[in-house]
């Protein structure tokens, strides 16, 4: 079992913008927001909210935190995604 405070760190201390860039997700700056290709519907009608550290797809209406984005983008299972993000925290 992974402690809640550890999952909180993975979701909040790793900037979603940094994860998008590290995973080489198609992205661009537009109107002051980082827009990225949604891993679910492939739509570019997205935005990143730096205050909540979440990504939002307005096409399929999904929200992504860093763990969810890692899982969707790579096909990793939850524990694999957590291990990958733990590596990002250490570096």
Protein backbone atom coordinates (compact mmCIF):
# COMPACT_ATOMS: atom_id res chain seq x y z
CA UNK A 1 0.00 0.00 0.00
CA UNK A 2 1.29 3.42 -0.96
CA UNK A 3 0.80 6.12 1.69
CA UNK A 4 -1.59 8.94 0.75
CA UNK A 5 1.02 11.62 1.47
CA UNK A 6 3.36 9.98 -1.04
CA UNK A 7 0.70 9.95 -3.76
CA UNK A 8 -0.04 13.60 -2.93
CA UNK A 9 3.65 14.41 -3.53
CA UNK A 10 3.62 12.64 -6.91
CA UNK A 11 0.47 14.49 -7.98
CA UNK A 12 1.54 17.90 -6.73
CA UNK A 13 5.33 18.23 -6.58
CA UNK A 14 5.93 16.98 -10.12
CA UNK A 15 4.73 19.73 -12.42
CA UNK A 16 2.38 18.38 -15.06
CA UNK A 17 4.08 20.62 -17.64
CA UNK A 18 7.40 18.90 -16.90
CA UNK A 19 5.81 15.47 -17.27
CA UNK A 20 4.20 16.41 -20.59
CA UNK A 21 7.59 17.51 -21.90
CA UNK A 22 9.43 14.48 -20.49
CA UNK A 23 6.95 12.10 -22.15
CA UNK A 24 7.28 14.01 -25.44
CA UNK A 25 3.53 14.58 -25.59
CA UNK A 26 2.59 16.83 -28.51
CA UNK A 27 2.10 20.25 -26.91
CA UNK A 28 2.24 23.99 -27.53
CA UNK A 29 1.80 27.28 -25.71
CA UNK A 30 -1.39 29.09 -26.69
CA UNK A 31 -3.23 31.98 -25.07
CA UNK A 32 -1.03 31.69 -21.98
CA UNK A 33 -1.76 27.98 -21.46
CA UNK A 34 0.17 24.84 -22.24
CA UNK A 35 -2.03 22.78 -24.54
CA UNK A 36 -1.29 19.09 -25.05
CA UNK A 37 -2.65 16.21 -27.05
CA UNK A 38 -5.17 14.31 -24.93
CA UNK A 39 -4.02 10.71 -24.53
CA UNK A 40 -7.64 9.51 -24.60
CA UNK A 41 -9.27 11.28 -27.55
CA UNK A 42 -6.15 12.80 -29.21
CA UNK A 43 -7.83 16.23 -29.17
CA UNK A 44 -5.71 19.37 -28.76
CA UNK A 45 -8.54 21.31 -27.11
CA UNK A 46 -6.83 21.03 -23.73
CA UNK A 47 -5.20 23.19 -21.11
CA UNK A 48 -3.00 22.86 -18.07
CA UNK A 49 -3.94 24.68 -14.90
CA UNK A 50 -0.70 25.42 -13.03
CA UNK A 51 -2.57 26.27 -9.80
CA UNK A 52 -4.21 22.83 -9.56
CA UNK A 53 -1.40 21.03 -11.46
CA UNK A 54 -4.06 19.32 -13.59
CA UNK A 55 -4.59 18.90 -17.30
CA UNK A 56 -8.09 19.15 -18.77
CA UNK A 57 -9.40 17.93 -22.11
CA UNK A 58 -12.42 19.91 -23.21
CA UNK A 59 -13.12 17.39 -25.99
CA UNK A 60 -13.70 14.26 -23.90
CA UNK A 61 -14.09 16.27 -20.66
CA UNK A 62 -11.40 14.34 -18.75
CA UNK A 63 -9.08 15.71 -16.12
CA UNK A 64 -5.58 14.36 -15.62
CA UNK A 65 -3.21 14.55 -12.69
CA UNK A 66 0.39 13.42 -13.15
CA UNK A 67 -0.32 9.79 -12.23
CA UNK A 68 -3.34 9.55 -14.56
CA UNK A 69 -1.50 11.24 -17.41
CA UNK A 70 1.48 8.89 -17.03
CA UNK A 71 -0.81 5.85 -17.07
CA UNK A 72 -2.85 7.02 -20.08
CA UNK A 73 0.11 8.17 -22.14
CA UNK A 74 2.31 5.11 -21.63
CA UNK A 75 -0.18 2.34 -20.89
CA UNK A 76 1.52 1.74 -17.55
CA UNK A 77 -0.37 0.18 -14.68
CA UNK A 78 -0.78 2.25 -11.51
CA UNK A 79 2.30 0.86 -9.72
CA UNK A 80 4.46 1.27 -12.84
CA UNK A 81 3.34 4.88 -13.18
CA UNK A 82 4.10 5.53 -9.51
CA UNK A 83 7.59 4.03 -9.90
CA UNK A 84 8.28 6.20 -12.97
CA UNK A 85 7.14 9.35 -11.18
CA UNK A 86 9.19 8.45 -8.10
CA UNK A 87 12.21 8.48 -10.40
CA UNK A 88 11.27 12.00 -11.52
CA UNK A 89 11.09 13.14 -7.89
CA UNK A 90 14.57 11.80 -7.21
CA UNK A 91 16.18 13.47 -10.22
